[in-house]
């Protein structure tokens, strides 16, 4: 657990039910090595920003990076880029051995409650693209649909991986909106 723990109030409901604690991570925290390992194993390498750059972006982009623990045990983390129009739900990971136990559901429910009334967008590996992890993509897509996200029918391709853009909220989301998010990211970090 990070040395400079800051318990988030929005997690208090699930904390009472399941003992989950959320801790806001800042760029100045000593970050738990388990978080780095989870980040590096939960996402394909070509979807990752190098860890040191990501840590730097926490402060520069004012990212909402929250780690979730049950007791002393890391469960997972979320990274949200809060924006005036659409919050970008950037990363969400639960440790592999804990998936399918309802913990991710509880974390997502708390996060949705925290940003209640605001729109969310996320991009994920498209379930319609032929691939080696088709079942995982289908489960992930179904998870977000069950939790109120909808498919925008907008797609982007990065390194031959098709990404589908999903959103939650009543707003209309366009490719121009997505390009605006990417342009903001490019102000802080660029990739090849």
N, C-alpha and C. Protein backbone atom coordinates (compact mmCIF):
# COMPACT_ATOMS: atom_id res chain seq x y z
N UNK A 1 0.83 -1.18 0.00
CA UNK A 1 0.00 0.00 0.00
C UNK A 1 0.88 1.25 0.00
N UNK A 2 0.50 2.27 -0.73
CA UNK A 2 1.32 3.48 -0.77
C UNK A 2 1.48 4.10 0.61
N UNK A 3 2.64 4.71 0.82
CA UNK A 3 2.92 5.34 2.11
C UNK A 3 1.95 6.48 2.39
N UNK A 4 1.66 7.28 1.37
CA UNK A 4 0.80 8.46 1.55
C UNK A 4 -0.64 8.12 1.17
N UNK A 5 -1.24 7.20 1.90
CA UNK A 5 -2.59 6.76 1.58
C UNK A 5 -3.59 7.86 1.82
N UNK A 6 -4.55 7.96 0.90
CA UNK A 6 -5.66 8.90 1.06
C UNK A 6 -6.92 8.12 0.74
N UNK A 7 -7.65 7.77 1.74
CA UNK A 7 -8.87 7.00 1.53
C UNK A 7 -9.91 7.88 0.85
N UNK A 8 -10.54 7.34 -0.16
CA UNK A 8 -11.57 8.04 -0.92
C UNK A 8 -12.92 7.79 -0.31
N UNK A 9 -13.72 8.81 -0.08
CA UNK A 9 -15.05 8.67 0.49
C UNK A 9 -15.99 7.86 -0.38
N UNK A 10 -15.85 7.95 -1.72
CA UNK A 10 -16.78 7.25 -2.60
C UNK A 10 -16.69 5.75 -2.45
N UNK A 11 -15.63 5.26 -1.88
CA UNK A 11 -15.46 3.82 -1.76
C UNK A 11 -16.11 3.30 -0.48
N UNK A 12 -16.61 4.18 0.38
CA UNK A 12 -17.06 3.74 1.70
C UNK A 12 -18.20 2.73 1.65
N UNK A 13 -19.09 2.81 0.67
CA UNK A 13 -20.19 1.85 0.60
C UNK A 13 -19.66 0.45 0.33
N UNK A 14 -18.80 0.30 -0.67
CA UNK A 14 -18.29 -1.05 -0.93
C UNK A 14 -17.29 -1.49 0.13
N UNK A 15 -16.66 -0.54 0.78
CA UNK A 15 -15.75 -0.89 1.87
C UNK A 15 -16.51 -1.59 2.98
N UNK A 16 -17.68 -1.08 3.30
CA UNK A 16 -18.48 -1.70 4.36
C UNK A 16 -18.94 -3.10 3.96
N UNK A 17 -19.23 -3.28 2.69
CA UNK A 17 -19.75 -4.57 2.22
C UNK A 17 -18.64 -5.60 2.07
N UNK A 18 -17.54 -5.21 1.46
CA UNK A 18 -16.53 -6.20 1.10
C UNK A 18 -15.12 -5.90 1.61
N UNK A 19 -14.95 -4.83 2.35
CA UNK A 19 -13.62 -4.52 2.87
C UNK A 19 -12.69 -3.92 1.83
N UNK A 20 -13.21 -3.41 0.73
CA UNK A 20 -12.37 -2.79 -0.30
C UNK A 20 -12.08 -1.35 0.09
N UNK A 21 -10.82 -0.96 -0.02
CA UNK A 21 -10.38 0.40 0.28
C UNK A 21 -9.79 0.99 -0.99
N UNK A 22 -10.16 2.22 -1.32
CA UNK A 22 -9.59 2.92 -2.46
C UNK A 22 -8.60 3.95 -1.98
N UNK A 23 -7.46 4.03 -2.65
CA UNK A 23 -6.42 4.98 -2.29
C UNK A 23 -6.00 5.78 -3.51
N UNK A 24 -6.11 7.09 -3.40
CA UNK A 24 -5.71 7.98 -4.48
C UNK A 24 -4.18 7.96 -4.58
N UNK A 25 -3.68 7.73 -5.79
CA UNK A 25 -2.25 7.71 -6.04
C UNK A 25 -1.86 9.04 -6.67
N UNK A 26 -0.80 9.65 -6.16
CA UNK A 26 -0.29 10.89 -6.74
C UNK A 26 1.10 10.63 -7.30
N UNK A 27 1.58 11.56 -8.09
CA UNK A 27 2.90 11.42 -8.72
C UNK A 27 4.01 11.40 -7.68
N UNK A 28 3.76 11.92 -6.48
CA UNK A 28 4.81 11.97 -5.46
C UNK A 28 4.78 10.77 -4.52
N UNK A 29 3.77 9.91 -4.65
CA UNK A 29 3.69 8.72 -3.80
C UNK A 29 4.77 7.71 -4.17
N UNK A 30 5.16 6.93 -3.18
CA UNK A 30 5.96 5.76 -3.45
C UNK A 30 4.97 4.70 -3.92
N UNK A 31 5.05 4.34 -5.17
CA UNK A 31 4.02 3.47 -5.76
C UNK A 31 4.37 2.01 -5.54
N UNK A 32 3.39 1.30 -5.06
CA UNK A 32 3.47 -0.13 -4.81
C UNK A 32 3.95 -0.85 -6.07
N UNK A 33 4.99 -1.65 -5.94
CA UNK A 33 5.54 -2.40 -7.08
C UNK A 33 4.49 -3.32 -7.69
N UNK A 34 3.53 -3.78 -6.88
CA UNK A 34 2.46 -4.63 -7.39
C UNK A 34 1.60 -3.89 -8.41
N UNK A 35 1.40 -2.59 -8.21
CA UNK A 35 0.62 -1.80 -9.16
C UNK A 35 1.31 -1.77 -10.52
N UNK A 36 2.60 -1.53 -10.50
CA UNK A 36 3.37 -1.51 -11.74
C UNK A 36 3.28 -2.86 -12.44
N UNK A 37 3.45 -3.92 -11.69
CA UNK A 37 3.39 -5.26 -12.26
C UNK A 37 2.01 -5.55 -12.85
N UNK A 38 0.95 -5.17 -12.15
CA UNK A 38 -0.40 -5.39 -12.66
C UNK A 38 -0.60 -4.61 -13.95
N UNK A 39 -0.17 -3.36 -13.97
CA UNK A 39 -0.29 -2.54 -15.18
C UNK A 39 0.42 -3.21 -16.35
N UNK A 40 1.63 -3.70 -16.11
CA UNK A 40 2.43 -4.26 -17.18
C UNK A 40 1.94 -5.64 -17.65
N UNK A 41 1.15 -6.32 -16.83
CA UNK A 41 0.66 -7.64 -17.24
C UNK A 41 -0.81 -7.61 -17.67
N UNK A 42 -1.57 -6.61 -17.28
CA UNK A 42 -3.00 -6.57 -17.59
C UNK A 42 -3.29 -6.03 -18.98
N UNK A 43 -2.35 -5.28 -19.54
CA UNK A 43 -2.57 -4.65 -20.83
C UNK A 43 -1.48 -5.05 -21.80
N UNK A 44 -1.84 -5.27 -23.07
CA UNK A 44 -0.80 -5.57 -24.07
C UNK A 44 0.22 -4.44 -24.10
N UNK A 45 1.45 -4.78 -24.36
CA UNK A 45 2.54 -3.80 -24.33
C UNK A 45 2.25 -2.60 -25.24
N UNK A 46 1.64 -2.86 -26.41
CA UNK A 46 1.40 -1.75 -27.33
C UNK A 46 0.24 -0.85 -26.89
N UNK A 47 -0.46 -1.20 -25.79
CA UNK A 47 -1.50 -0.34 -25.23
C UNK A 47 -1.01 0.39 -23.98
N UNK A 48 0.23 0.17 -23.61
CA UNK A 48 0.77 0.78 -22.40
C UNK A 48 1.60 2.01 -22.72
N UNK A 49 1.48 3.00 -21.86
CA UNK A 49 2.42 4.11 -21.84
C UNK A 49 3.54 3.64 -20.92
N UNK A 50 4.79 3.89 -21.25
CA UNK A 50 5.86 3.47 -20.34
C UNK A 50 5.56 3.94 -18.91
N UNK A 51 5.80 3.07 -17.95
CA UNK A 51 5.42 3.29 -16.55
C UNK A 51 5.87 4.64 -16.02
N UNK A 52 7.14 5.00 -16.24
CA UNK A 52 7.64 6.27 -15.70
C UNK A 52 6.90 7.46 -16.31
N UNK A 53 6.54 7.36 -17.59
CA UNK A 53 5.76 8.41 -18.22
C UNK A 53 4.36 8.48 -17.62
N UNK A 54 3.76 7.32 -17.37
CA UNK A 54 2.42 7.29 -16.78
C UNK A 54 2.42 7.94 -15.40
N UNK A 55 3.43 7.63 -14.60
CA UNK A 55 3.53 8.22 -13.26
C UNK A 55 3.67 9.74 -13.38
N UNK A 56 4.46 10.21 -14.32
CA UNK A 56 4.61 11.65 -14.55
C UNK A 56 3.27 12.28 -14.94
N UNK A 57 2.51 11.58 -15.77
CA UNK A 57 1.23 12.12 -16.25
C UNK A 57 0.18 12.23 -15.15
N UNK A 58 0.34 11.46 -14.08
CA UNK A 58 -0.61 11.54 -12.96
C UNK A 58 -0.73 12.98 -12.49
N UNK A 59 0.39 13.63 -12.32
CA UNK A 59 0.39 15.01 -11.86
C UNK A 59 0.11 16.01 -12.97
N UNK A 60 0.73 15.80 -14.13
CA UNK A 60 0.61 16.78 -15.21
C UNK A 60 -0.79 16.83 -15.80
N UNK A 61 -1.46 15.70 -15.91
CA UNK A 61 -2.80 15.65 -16.50
C UNK A 61 -3.88 15.60 -15.42
N UNK A 62 -3.46 15.60 -14.15
CA UNK A 62 -4.40 15.51 -13.02
C UNK A 62 -5.27 14.25 -13.13
N UNK A 63 -4.58 13.12 -13.37
CA UNK A 63 -5.29 11.85 -13.51
C UNK A 63 -5.82 11.38 -12.16
N UNK A 64 -6.97 10.77 -12.19
CA UNK A 64 -7.56 10.13 -11.01
C UNK A 64 -7.09 8.68 -11.04
N UNK A 65 -5.96 8.42 -10.39
CA UNK A 65 -5.37 7.08 -10.32
C UNK A 65 -5.69 6.54 -8.94
N UNK A 66 -6.53 5.53 -8.89
CA UNK A 66 -6.95 4.95 -7.62
C UNK A 66 -6.58 3.47 -7.58
N UNK A 67 -5.92 3.07 -6.51
CA UNK A 67 -5.60 1.66 -6.28
C UNK A 67 -6.60 1.12 -5.27
N UNK A 68 -7.00 -0.12 -5.44
CA UNK A 68 -8.01 -0.75 -4.58
C UNK A 68 -7.39 -1.94 -3.87
N UNK A 69 -7.61 -1.97 -2.56
CA UNK A 69 -7.06 -3.02 -1.71
C UNK A 69 -8.18 -3.65 -0.89
N UNK A 70 -8.00 -4.90 -0.57
CA UNK A 70 -8.85 -5.59 0.40
C UNK A 70 -7.90 -5.98 1.52
N UNK A 71 -7.99 -5.28 2.63
CA UNK A 71 -6.97 -5.42 3.66
C UNK A 71 -5.66 -4.87 3.10
N UNK A 72 -4.62 -5.68 3.13
CA UNK A 72 -3.32 -5.27 2.60
C UNK A 72 -3.11 -5.76 1.17
N UNK A 73 -4.08 -6.48 0.62
CA UNK A 73 -3.92 -7.12 -0.69
C UNK A 73 -4.45 -6.25 -1.81
N UNK A 74 -3.60 -6.01 -2.81
CA UNK A 74 -4.01 -5.25 -3.98
C UNK A 74 -5.05 -6.05 -4.76
N UNK A 75 -6.12 -5.38 -5.14
CA UNK A 75 -7.16 -5.98 -5.99
C UNK A 75 -7.01 -5.49 -7.42
N UNK A 76 -6.83 -4.18 -7.58
CA UNK A 76 -6.75 -3.60 -8.92
C UNK A 76 -6.59 -2.10 -8.87
N UNK A 77 -6.80 -1.46 -10.00
CA UNK A 77 -6.69 0.00 -10.07
C UNK A 77 -7.53 0.54 -11.21
N UNK A 78 -7.81 1.83 -11.14
CA UNK A 78 -8.46 2.56 -12.22
C UNK A 78 -7.69 3.85 -12.46
N UNK A 79 -7.68 4.29 -13.71
CA UNK A 79 -7.12 5.59 -14.05
C UNK A 79 -8.15 6.28 -14.93
N UNK A 80 -8.59 7.44 -14.46
CA UNK A 80 -9.56 8.26 -15.18
C UNK A 80 -8.92 9.60 -15.48
N UNK A 81 -9.12 10.08 -16.69
CA UNK A 81 -8.71 11.43 -17.04
C UNK A 81 -9.97 12.30 -16.98
N UNK A 82 -10.16 13.02 -15.86
CA UNK A 82 -11.35 13.87 -15.73
C UNK A 82 -11.28 15.05 -16.70
N UNK A 83 -12.33 15.21 -17.48
CA UNK A 83 -12.40 16.28 -18.48
C UNK A 83 -13.74 17.00 -18.36
N UNK A 84 -13.84 18.21 -18.84
CA UNK A 84 -15.10 18.95 -18.74
C UNK A 84 -16.26 18.28 -19.48
N UNK A 85 -16.00 17.71 -20.66
CA UNK A 85 -17.11 17.15 -21.44
C UNK A 85 -17.26 15.64 -21.23
N UNK A 86 -16.22 14.89 -21.43
CA UNK A 86 -16.25 13.44 -21.28
C UNK A 86 -15.07 13.00 -20.44
N UNK A 87 -15.32 12.27 -19.38
CA UNK A 87 -14.22 11.69 -18.60
C UNK A 87 -13.72 10.47 -19.36
N UNK A 88 -12.42 10.40 -19.53
CA UNK A 88 -11.82 9.27 -20.25
C UNK A 88 -11.46 8.21 -19.22
N UNK A 89 -12.16 7.11 -19.29
CA UNK A 89 -11.93 5.96 -18.43
C UNK A 89 -10.78 5.20 -19.07
N UNK A 90 -9.57 5.54 -18.67
CA UNK A 90 -8.37 5.15 -19.41
C UNK A 90 -7.94 3.72 -19.12
N UNK A 91 -7.71 3.39 -17.87
CA UNK A 91 -7.27 2.04 -17.51
C UNK A 91 -8.10 1.51 -16.35
N UNK A 92 -8.41 0.22 -16.43
CA UNK A 92 -9.12 -0.49 -15.35
C UNK A 92 -8.59 -1.91 -15.35
N UNK A 93 -8.01 -2.31 -14.24
CA UNK A 93 -7.47 -3.67 -14.15
C UNK A 93 -7.76 -4.26 -12.78
N UNK A 94 -8.09 -5.53 -12.78
CA UNK A 94 -8.23 -6.33 -11.57
C UNK A 94 -7.24 -7.49 -11.72
N UNK A 95 -6.58 -7.85 -10.64
CA UNK A 95 -5.63 -8.95 -10.70
C UNK A 95 -6.29 -10.19 -11.30
N UNK A 96 -5.56 -10.87 -12.14
CA UNK A 96 -6.12 -11.98 -12.90
C UNK A 96 -6.78 -13.03 -12.01
N UNK A 97 -6.15 -13.38 -10.91
CA UNK A 97 -6.68 -14.43 -10.04
C UNK A 97 -7.94 -13.99 -9.28
N UNK A 98 -8.26 -12.68 -9.32
CA UNK A 98 -9.44 -12.17 -8.63
C UNK A 98 -10.59 -11.85 -9.57
N UNK A 99 -10.36 -12.01 -10.87
CA UNK A 99 -11.42 -11.72 -11.84
C UNK A 99 -12.53 -12.75 -11.72
N UNK A 100 -13.75 -12.30 -12.02
CA UNK A 100 -14.90 -13.19 -11.98
C UNK A 100 -15.48 -13.37 -10.59
N UNK A 101 -15.01 -12.61 -9.61
CA UNK A 101 -15.47 -12.73 -8.22
C UNK A 101 -16.33 -11.54 -7.78
N UNK A 102 -16.64 -10.66 -8.73
CA UNK A 102 -17.49 -9.52 -8.42
C UNK A 102 -16.76 -8.29 -7.92
N UNK A 103 -15.43 -8.38 -7.74
CA UNK A 103 -14.68 -7.23 -7.21
C UNK A 103 -14.60 -6.11 -8.24
N UNK A 104 -14.38 -6.46 -9.50
CA UNK A 104 -14.35 -5.46 -10.55
C UNK A 104 -15.69 -4.75 -10.68
N UNK A 105 -16.75 -5.51 -10.53
CA UNK A 105 -18.10 -4.94 -10.56
C UNK A 105 -18.27 -3.90 -9.45
N UNK A 106 -17.80 -4.23 -8.26
CA UNK A 106 -17.92 -3.31 -7.13
C UNK A 106 -17.09 -2.04 -7.36
N UNK A 107 -15.91 -2.21 -7.90
CA UNK A 107 -15.05 -1.06 -8.17
C UNK A 107 -15.69 -0.17 -9.22
N UNK A 108 -16.18 -0.77 -10.31
CA UNK A 108 -16.81 0.02 -11.36
C UNK A 108 -18.05 0.74 -10.85
N UNK A 109 -18.86 0.07 -10.04
CA UNK A 109 -20.05 0.69 -9.47
C UNK A 109 -19.67 1.91 -8.63
N UNK A 110 -18.64 1.79 -7.82
CA UNK A 110 -18.20 2.93 -6.99
C UNK A 110 -17.67 4.07 -7.86
N UNK A 111 -16.95 3.72 -8.91
CA UNK A 111 -16.41 4.75 -9.80
C UNK A 111 -17.53 5.49 -10.53
N UNK A 112 -18.53 4.74 -11.01
CA UNK A 112 -19.68 5.36 -11.67
C UNK A 112 -20.40 6.29 -10.70
N UNK A 113 -20.53 5.86 -9.46
CA UNK A 113 -21.17 6.69 -8.43
C UNK A 113 -20.37 7.96 -8.17
N UNK A 114 -19.06 7.83 -8.15
CA UNK A 114 -18.20 9.00 -7.91
C UNK A 114 -18.41 10.07 -8.98
N UNK A 115 -18.55 9.63 -10.23
CA UNK A 115 -18.71 10.55 -11.35
C UNK A 115 -20.16 10.64 -11.81
N UNK A 116 -21.08 10.39 -10.90
CA UNK A 116 -22.52 10.36 -11.22
C UNK A 116 -22.94 11.64 -11.95
N UNK A 117 -23.71 11.44 -13.02
CA UNK A 117 -24.19 12.56 -13.80
C UNK A 117 -23.22 13.05 -14.85
N UNK A 118 -22.03 12.47 -14.91
CA UNK A 118 -21.03 12.85 -15.90
C UNK A 118 -20.88 11.74 -16.93
N UNK A 119 -20.46 12.10 -18.12
CA UNK A 119 -20.27 11.11 -19.18
C UNK A 119 -18.87 10.52 -19.11
N UNK A 120 -18.80 9.24 -19.48
CA UNK A 120 -17.55 8.48 -19.54
C UNK A 120 -17.34 7.97 -20.95
N UNK A 121 -16.12 7.92 -21.40
CA UNK A 121 -15.78 7.18 -22.61
C UNK A 121 -14.61 6.28 -22.30
N UNK A 122 -14.53 5.18 -23.02
CA UNK A 122 -13.39 4.27 -22.92
C UNK A 122 -13.16 3.65 -24.27
N UNK A 123 -11.95 3.19 -24.48
CA UNK A 123 -11.67 2.40 -25.67
C UNK A 123 -11.15 1.05 -25.20
N UNK A 124 -11.55 0.03 -25.92
CA UNK A 124 -11.14 -1.33 -25.56
C UNK A 124 -10.94 -2.11 -26.86
N UNK A 125 -10.18 -3.20 -26.76
CA UNK A 125 -9.98 -4.05 -27.92
C UNK A 125 -11.34 -4.50 -28.44
N UNK A 126 -11.54 -4.32 -29.72
CA UNK A 126 -12.84 -4.60 -30.33
C UNK A 126 -13.18 -6.08 -30.28
N UNK A 127 -14.41 -6.41 -29.87
CA UNK A 127 -14.83 -7.80 -29.86
C UNK A 127 -15.15 -8.32 -31.26
N UNK A 128 -15.22 -7.45 -32.25
CA UNK A 128 -15.56 -7.88 -33.60
C UNK A 128 -14.34 -8.26 -34.45
N UNK A 129 -13.14 -7.95 -33.97
CA UNK A 129 -11.92 -8.23 -34.73
C UNK A 129 -11.44 -9.65 -34.45
N UNK A 130 -11.17 -10.45 -35.48
CA UNK A 130 -10.60 -11.78 -35.24
C UNK A 130 -9.25 -11.65 -34.51
N UNK A 131 -9.07 -12.47 -33.46
CA UNK A 131 -7.87 -12.34 -32.63
C UNK A 131 -7.70 -13.59 -31.77
N UNK A 132 -6.59 -13.64 -31.04
CA UNK A 132 -6.29 -14.76 -30.13
C UNK A 132 -7.02 -14.66 -28.80
N UNK A 133 -7.48 -13.47 -28.43
CA UNK A 133 -8.16 -13.29 -27.14
C UNK A 133 -9.62 -12.88 -27.32
N UNK A 134 -10.28 -13.47 -28.30
CA UNK A 134 -11.67 -13.10 -28.63
C UNK A 134 -12.61 -13.28 -27.44
N UNK A 135 -12.45 -14.38 -26.70
CA UNK A 135 -13.34 -14.64 -25.55
C UNK A 135 -13.17 -13.56 -24.49
N UNK A 136 -11.93 -13.18 -24.20
CA UNK A 136 -11.67 -12.13 -23.22
C UNK A 136 -12.29 -10.81 -23.66
N UNK A 137 -12.16 -10.48 -24.93
CA UNK A 137 -12.74 -9.24 -25.45
C UNK A 137 -14.26 -9.26 -25.34
N UNK A 138 -14.88 -10.40 -25.65
CA UNK A 138 -16.34 -10.51 -25.56
C UNK A 138 -16.81 -10.32 -24.12
N UNK A 139 -16.09 -10.96 -23.17
CA UNK A 139 -16.46 -10.82 -21.75
C UNK A 139 -16.33 -9.37 -21.29
N UNK A 140 -15.25 -8.74 -21.68
CA UNK A 140 -15.01 -7.34 -21.29
C UNK A 140 -16.10 -6.44 -21.88
N UNK A 141 -16.41 -6.63 -23.15
CA UNK A 141 -17.45 -5.84 -23.82
C UNK A 141 -18.79 -6.04 -23.11
N UNK A 142 -19.15 -7.28 -22.82
CA UNK A 142 -20.41 -7.59 -22.13
C UNK A 142 -20.44 -6.96 -20.73
N UNK A 143 -19.30 -6.97 -20.04
CA UNK A 143 -19.19 -6.37 -18.71
C UNK A 143 -19.58 -4.89 -18.75
N UNK A 144 -19.00 -4.16 -19.70
CA UNK A 144 -19.30 -2.74 -19.79
C UNK A 144 -20.74 -2.49 -20.22
N UNK A 145 -21.27 -3.30 -21.14
CA UNK A 145 -22.67 -3.15 -21.55
C UNK A 145 -23.60 -3.38 -20.36
N UNK A 146 -23.32 -4.41 -19.56
CA UNK A 146 -24.14 -4.69 -18.36
C UNK A 146 -24.13 -3.54 -17.37
N UNK A 147 -23.08 -2.77 -17.39
CA UNK A 147 -22.91 -1.69 -16.42
C UNK A 147 -23.25 -0.32 -16.97
N UNK A 148 -24.02 -0.28 -18.05
CA UNK A 148 -24.54 0.99 -18.53
C UNK A 148 -23.78 1.67 -19.64
N UNK A 149 -22.66 1.11 -20.07
CA UNK A 149 -21.96 1.69 -21.21
C UNK A 149 -22.68 1.25 -22.48
N UNK A 150 -22.49 2.01 -23.54
CA UNK A 150 -23.04 1.62 -24.83
C UNK A 150 -21.95 1.73 -25.89
N UNK A 151 -22.11 0.96 -26.93
CA UNK A 151 -21.17 0.98 -28.04
C UNK A 151 -21.47 2.20 -28.89
N UNK A 152 -20.47 3.00 -29.20
CA UNK A 152 -20.67 4.19 -30.02
C UNK A 152 -20.61 3.87 -31.51
N UNK A 153 -20.18 2.66 -31.83
CA UNK A 153 -19.94 2.25 -33.22
C UNK A 153 -18.85 3.10 -33.86
N UNK A 154 -17.95 3.59 -33.02
CA UNK A 154 -16.76 4.29 -33.48
C UNK A 154 -15.57 3.39 -33.19
N UNK A 155 -14.62 3.34 -34.13
CA UNK A 155 -13.47 2.45 -33.99
C UNK A 155 -12.21 3.19 -34.39
N UNK A 156 -11.12 2.83 -33.73
CA UNK A 156 -9.78 3.30 -34.07
C UNK A 156 -8.87 2.08 -34.14
N UNK A 157 -7.86 2.15 -34.96
CA UNK A 157 -6.91 1.06 -35.08
C UNK A 157 -5.53 1.56 -34.68
N UNK A 158 -4.90 0.82 -33.77
CA UNK A 158 -3.53 1.11 -33.32
C UNK A 158 -2.73 -0.18 -33.48
N UNK A 159 -1.64 -0.11 -34.21
CA UNK A 159 -0.77 -1.28 -34.39
C UNK A 159 -1.58 -2.52 -34.74
N UNK A 160 -2.47 -2.42 -35.70
CA UNK A 160 -3.30 -3.53 -36.18
C UNK A 160 -4.32 -4.03 -35.17
N UNK A 161 -4.51 -3.33 -34.06
CA UNK A 161 -5.54 -3.72 -33.09
C UNK A 161 -6.69 -2.73 -33.21
N UNK A 162 -7.85 -3.26 -33.52
CA UNK A 162 -9.03 -2.41 -33.61
C UNK A 162 -9.57 -2.17 -32.20
N UNK A 163 -9.81 -0.91 -31.90
CA UNK A 163 -10.34 -0.51 -30.61
C UNK A 163 -11.75 0.04 -30.83
N UNK A 164 -12.69 -0.41 -30.01
CA UNK A 164 -14.05 0.13 -30.05
C UNK A 164 -14.18 1.16 -28.94
N UNK A 165 -14.90 2.22 -29.23
CA UNK A 165 -15.09 3.29 -28.25
C UNK A 165 -16.49 3.13 -27.66
N UNK A 166 -16.55 3.03 -26.34
CA UNK A 166 -17.82 2.89 -25.62
C UNK A 166 -18.03 4.12 -24.76
N UNK A 167 -19.26 4.38 -24.39
CA UNK A 167 -19.51 5.53 -23.54
C UNK A 167 -20.68 5.28 -22.60
N UNK A 168 -20.72 6.06 -21.55
CA UNK A 168 -21.83 6.08 -20.61
C UNK A 168 -22.25 7.53 -20.48
N UNK A 169 -23.56 7.78 -20.55
CA UNK A 169 -24.08 9.13 -20.46
C UNK A 169 -25.01 9.39 -21.62
N UNK A 170 -25.74 10.49 -21.53
CA UNK A 170 -26.73 10.83 -22.54
C UNK A 170 -26.15 11.59 -23.72
N UNK A 171 -24.91 12.01 -23.61
CA UNK A 171 -24.30 12.83 -24.67
C UNK A 171 -24.08 12.01 -25.93
N UNK A 172 -23.84 12.72 -27.01
CA UNK A 172 -23.44 12.09 -28.27
C UNK A 172 -21.93 12.22 -28.35
N UNK A 173 -21.28 11.13 -28.71
CA UNK A 173 -19.82 11.12 -28.80
C UNK A 173 -19.44 10.87 -30.25
N UNK A 174 -18.54 11.71 -30.77
CA UNK A 174 -18.13 11.61 -32.16
C UNK A 174 -16.62 11.33 -32.25
N UNK A 175 -16.19 11.03 -33.45
CA UNK A 175 -14.75 10.82 -33.65
C UNK A 175 -13.99 12.12 -33.39
N UNK A 176 -14.60 13.26 -33.63
CA UNK A 176 -13.96 14.54 -33.33
C UNK A 176 -13.73 14.68 -31.82
N UNK A 177 -14.68 14.18 -31.02
CA UNK A 177 -14.49 14.18 -29.56
C UNK A 177 -13.30 13.31 -29.18
N UNK A 178 -13.22 12.14 -29.81
CA UNK A 178 -12.09 11.23 -29.52
C UNK A 178 -10.77 11.88 -29.92
N UNK A 179 -10.75 12.51 -31.10
CA UNK A 179 -9.54 13.17 -31.56
C UNK A 179 -9.12 14.28 -30.60
N UNK A 180 -10.09 14.96 -29.98
CA UNK A 180 -9.78 16.01 -29.01
C UNK A 180 -9.11 15.42 -27.77
N UNK A 181 -9.59 14.26 -27.31
CA UNK A 181 -8.95 13.60 -26.16
C UNK A 181 -7.52 13.22 -26.50
N UNK A 182 -7.33 12.63 -27.67
CA UNK A 182 -5.99 12.21 -28.10
C UNK A 182 -5.08 13.43 -28.25
N UNK A 183 -5.60 14.53 -28.78
CA UNK A 183 -4.80 15.76 -28.92
C UNK A 183 -4.36 16.28 -27.55
N UNK A 184 -5.25 16.20 -26.56
CA UNK A 184 -4.87 16.61 -25.20
C UNK A 184 -3.76 15.72 -24.67
N UNK A 185 -3.88 14.41 -24.87
CA UNK A 185 -2.83 13.50 -24.42
C UNK A 185 -1.51 13.84 -25.09
N UNK A 186 -1.54 14.13 -26.37
CA UNK A 186 -0.31 14.44 -27.11
C UNK A 186 0.39 15.71 -26.60
N UNK A 187 -0.32 16.58 -25.90
CA UNK A 187 0.32 17.75 -25.30
C UNK A 187 1.28 17.33 -24.19
N UNK A 188 1.01 16.18 -23.58
CA UNK A 188 1.80 15.70 -22.45
C UNK A 188 2.71 14.53 -22.80
N UNK A 189 2.31 13.76 -23.79
CA UNK A 189 3.04 12.53 -24.13
C UNK A 189 2.77 12.16 -25.57
N UNK A 190 3.80 11.77 -26.30
CA UNK A 190 3.61 11.32 -27.68
C UNK A 190 4.20 9.93 -27.84
N UNK A 191 3.66 9.20 -28.76
CA UNK A 191 4.12 7.84 -29.04
C UNK A 191 4.54 7.79 -30.50
N UNK A 192 5.27 6.76 -30.81
CA UNK A 192 5.76 6.61 -32.20
C UNK A 192 4.72 5.95 -33.07
